Amino acid sequence: MVFSTSPTRDSLSFEDFLDLLSVFSDTATPDIKSHYAFRIFDFDDDGTLDREDLSQLVNCLTGEGEDTRLSASEMKQLIDNILEESDIDRDGTINLSEFQHVISRSPDFASSF
């Protein structure tokens, strides 16, 4: 659980719950919002968005139904394009700094997250 501070990350304290709510507040800074968005999208919690994380994210956004699921070649092309735009150090993953750089170019992010 992204917002949990417990060692097993399986429960929320009251403070964790308040943090969760504050991130989605209009007054939360873009840095805070992008930090938690990154953690939400980092499905394997390894500190980077790799091809598998990006694939899971795309499936969450488009759906995994037969009529909405991307083909393997479409998924590869989309992820290649995402990495081309976002992976500044060309290591095949997107780190928090690279993610925040991309988000900074999206003026709607703070109001839509």
C-alpha atoms as a PDB file:
ATOM      1  CA  MET A   1       0.000   0.000   0.000  1.00  0.00           C
ATOM      2  CA  VAL A   2       1.581   3.235  -1.190  1.00  0.00           C
ATOM      3  CA  PHE A   3       0.446   5.391   1.730  1.00  0.00           C
ATOM      4  CA  SER A   4       1.179   2.930   4.540  1.00  0.00           C
ATOM      5  CA  THR A   5       4.102   3.501   6.890  1.00  0.00           C
ATOM      6  CA  SER A   6       3.720   0.143   8.638  1.00  0.00           C
ATOM      7  CA  PRO A   7       6.644  -2.258   8.087  1.00  0.00           C
ATOM      8  CA  THR A   8       4.417  -4.774   6.291  1.00  0.00           C
ATOM      9  CA  ARG A   9       2.554  -2.034   4.400  1.00  0.00           C
ATOM     10  CA  ASP A  10      -0.749  -3.782   5.003  1.00  0.00           C
ATOM     11  CA  SER A  11      -2.533  -1.177   7.120  1.00  0.00           C
ATOM     12  CA  LEU A  12      -3.029   2.571   7.384  1.00  0.00           C
ATOM     13  CA  SER A  13      -2.589   4.616  10.514  1.00  0.00           C
ATOM     14  CA  PHE A  14      -4.700   7.719  10.990  1.00  0.00           C
ATOM     15  CA  GLU A  15      -1.685   9.823   9.932  1.00  0.00           C
ATOM     16  CA  ASP A  16      -1.274   7.673   6.807  1.00  0.00           C
ATOM     17  CA  PHE A  17      -4.935   8.246   6.012  1.00  0.00           C
ATOM     18  CA  LEU A  18      -4.498  12.006   6.412  1.00  0.00           C
ATOM     19  CA  ASP A  19      -1.460  11.898   4.112  1.00  0.00           C
ATOM     20  CA  LEU A  20      -3.541  10.037   1.534  1.00  0.00           C
ATOM     21  CA  LEU A  21      -6.248  12.681   1.642  1.00  0.00           C
ATOM     22  CA  SER A  22      -3.795  15.582   1.562  1.00  0.00           C
ATOM     23  CA  VAL A  23      -2.109  14.302  -1.622  1.00  0.00           C
ATOM     24  CA  PHE A  24      -5.401  14.577  -3.478  1.00  0.00           C
ATOM     25  CA  SER A  25      -6.091  18.056  -2.127  1.00  0.00           C
ATOM     26  CA  ASP A  26      -5.959  21.039  -4.477  1.00  0.00           C
ATOM     27  CA  THR A  27      -3.394  22.591  -2.131  1.00  0.00           C
ATOM     28  CA  ALA A  28      -0.874  19.740  -2.443  1.00  0.00           C
ATOM     29  CA  THR A  29       2.239  20.768  -4.357  1.00  0.00           C
ATOM     30  CA  PRO A  30       2.991  19.251  -7.770  1.00  0.00           C
ATOM     31  CA  ASP A  31       6.135  17.638  -6.271  1.00  0.00           C
ATOM     32  CA  ILE A  32       4.096  15.814  -3.626  1.00  0.00           C
ATOM     33  CA  LYS A  33       1.453  14.763  -6.131  1.00  0.00           C
ATOM     34  CA  SER A  34       4.048  13.507  -8.625  1.00  0.00           C
ATOM     35  CA  HIS A  35       5.949  11.644  -5.899  1.00  0.00           C
ATOM     36  CA  TYR A  36       2.867   9.671  -4.887  1.00  0.00           C
ATOM     37  CA  ALA A  37       1.710   9.189  -8.484  1.00  0.00           C
ATOM     38  CA  PHE A  38       5.115   7.669  -9.212  1.00  0.00           C
ATOM     39  CA  ARG A  39       4.799   5.348  -6.219  1.00  0.00           C
ATOM     40  CA  ILE A  40       1.309   4.311  -7.323  1.00  0.00           C
ATOM     41  CA  PHE A  41       2.549   3.516 -10.851  1.00  0.00           C
ATOM     42  CA  ASP A  42       5.623   1.647  -9.549  1.00  0.00           C
ATOM     43  CA  PHE A  43       3.715  -1.620  -9.235  1.00  0.00           C
ATOM     44  CA  ASP A  44       6.719  -3.709  -8.152  1.00  0.00           C
ATOM     45  CA  ASP A  45       7.929  -1.014  -5.715  1.00  0.00           C
ATOM     46  CA  ASP A  46      11.514  -1.087  -6.996  1.00  0.00           C
ATOM     47  CA  GLY A  47      11.927   2.679  -7.370  1.00  0.00           C
ATOM     48  CA  THR A  48      11.706   2.747 -11.164  1.00  0.00           C
ATOM     49  CA  LEU A  49       9.046   2.455 -13.826  1.00  0.00           C
ATOM     50  CA  ASP A  50      10.232  -0.325 -16.103  1.00  0.00           C
ATOM     51  CA  ARG A  51       8.535  -1.918 -19.091  1.00  0.00           C
ATOM     52  CA  GLU A  52       6.434  -4.191 -16.874  1.00  0.00           C
ATOM     53  CA  ASP A  53       5.214  -1.268 -14.734  1.00  0.00           C
ATOM     54  CA  LEU A  54       4.385   0.727 -17.871  1.00  0.00           C
ATOM     55  CA  SER A  55       2.552  -2.242 -19.367  1.00  0.00           C
ATOM     56  CA  GLN A  56       0.465  -2.640 -16.212  1.00  0.00           C
ATOM     57  CA  LEU A  57      -0.245   1.094 -16.178  1.00  0.00           C
ATOM     58  CA  VAL A  58      -1.401   1.083 -19.802  1.00  0.00           C
ATOM     59  CA  ASN A  59      -3.640  -1.916 -19.091  1.00  0.00           C
ATOM     60  CA  CYS A  60      -5.135  -0.107 -16.086  1.00  0.00           C
ATOM     61  CA  LEU A  61      -5.874   2.931 -18.254  1.00  0.00           C
ATOM     62  CA  THR A  62      -7.195   1.115 -21.321  1.00  0.00           C
ATOM     63  CA  GLY A  63      -8.671  -1.969 -19.721  1.00  0.00           C
ATOM     64  CA  GLU A  64      -7.689  -5.554 -20.298  1.00  0.00           C
ATOM     65  CA  GLY A  65     -10.870  -6.550 -22.083  1.00  0.00           C
ATOM     66  CA  GLU A  66     -10.647  -8.141 -25.486  1.00  0.00           C
ATOM     67  CA  ASP A  67     -12.011  -5.031 -27.199  1.00  0.00           C
ATOM     68  CA  THR A  68      -9.701  -2.555 -25.400  1.00  0.00           C
ATOM     69  CA  ARG A  69      -6.477  -4.486 -24.824  1.00  0.00           C
ATOM     70  CA  LEU A  70      -3.543  -3.414 -26.966  1.00  0.00           C
ATOM     71  CA  SER A  71      -1.814  -5.995 -29.112  1.00  0.00           C
ATOM     72  CA  ALA A  72       1.742  -6.956 -28.160  1.00  0.00           C
ATOM     73  CA  SER A  73       3.160  -4.835 -30.993  1.00  0.00           C
ATOM     74  CA  GLU A  74       0.984  -1.829 -30.053  1.00  0.00           C
ATOM     75  CA  MET A  75       2.036  -2.154 -26.404  1.00  0.00           C
ATOM     76  CA  LYS A  76       5.715  -2.375 -27.371  1.00  0.00           C
ATOM     77  CA  GLN A  77       5.439   0.683 -29.623  1.00  0.00           C
ATOM     78  CA  LEU A  78       3.633   2.694 -26.944  1.00  0.00           C
ATOM     79  CA  ILE A  79       6.167   1.781 -24.246  1.00  0.00           C
ATOM     80  CA  ASP A  80       9.042   2.522 -26.645  1.00  0.00           C
ATOM     81  CA  ASN A  81       7.509   5.964 -27.244  1.00  0.00           C
ATOM     82  CA  ILE A  82       7.034   6.592 -23.510  1.00  0.00           C
ATOM     83  CA  LEU A  83      10.644   5.662 -22.797  1.00  0.00           C
ATOM     84  CA  GLU A  84      11.899   7.736 -25.738  1.00  0.00           C
ATOM     85  CA  GLU A  85      10.169  10.809 -24.280  1.00  0.00           C
ATOM     86  CA  SER A  86      10.837  10.170 -20.594  1.00  0.00           C
ATOM     87  CA  ASP A  87      13.997   8.107 -20.080  1.00  0.00           C
ATOM     88  CA  ILE A  88      16.567  10.918 -19.994  1.00  0.00           C
ATOM     89  CA  ASP A  89      19.521   8.766 -18.918  1.00  0.00           C
ATOM     90  CA  ARG A  90      18.595   5.988 -21.396  1.00  0.00           C
ATOM     91  CA  ASP A  91      18.788   3.173 -18.849  1.00  0.00           C
ATOM     92  CA  GLY A  92      15.499   1.593 -19.957  1.00  0.00           C
ATOM     93  CA  THR A  93      13.526   2.787 -16.922  1.00  0.00           C
ATOM     94  CA  ILE A  94      11.941   5.987 -15.646  1.00  0.00           C
ATOM     95  CA  ASN A  95      13.126   7.140 -12.234  1.00  0.00           C
ATOM     96  CA  LEU A  96      11.343   9.632  -9.985  1.00  0.00           C
ATOM     97  CA  SER A  97      13.345  12.597 -11.285  1.00  0.00           C
ATOM     98  CA  GLU A  98      12.567  11.735 -14.908  1.00  0.00           C
ATOM     99  CA  PHE A  99       8.900  11.196 -14.034  1.00  0.00           C
ATOM    100  CA  GLN A 100       8.727  14.582 -12.295  1.00  0.00           C
ATOM    101  CA  HIS A 101      10.362  16.216 -15.312  1.00  0.00           C
ATOM    102  CA  VAL A 102       7.673  14.789 -17.597  1.00  0.00           C
ATOM    103  CA  ILE A 103       4.897  15.767 -15.190  1.00  0.00           C
ATOM    104  CA  SER A 104       6.250  19.323 -14.959  1.00  0.00           C
ATOM    105  CA  ARG A 105       5.462  19.697 -18.667  1.00  0.00           C
ATOM    106  CA  SER A 106       1.824  18.724 -18.069  1.00  0.00           C
ATOM    107  CA  PRO A 107      -0.045  21.704 -16.622  1.00  0.00           C
ATOM    108  CA  ASP A 108      -3.223  19.655 -16.063  1.00  0.00           C
ATOM    109  CA  PHE A 109      -1.552  17.034 -13.866  1.00  0.00           C
ATOM    110  CA  ALA A 110      -1.871  18.873 -10.527  1.00  0.00           C
ATOM    111  CA  SER A 111      -5.565  19.547 -11.011  1.00  0.00           C
ATOM    112  CA  SER A 112      -6.418  16.090 -12.351  1.00  0.00           C
ATOM    113  CA  PHE A 113      -4.568  13.960  -9.788  1.00  0.00           C
END
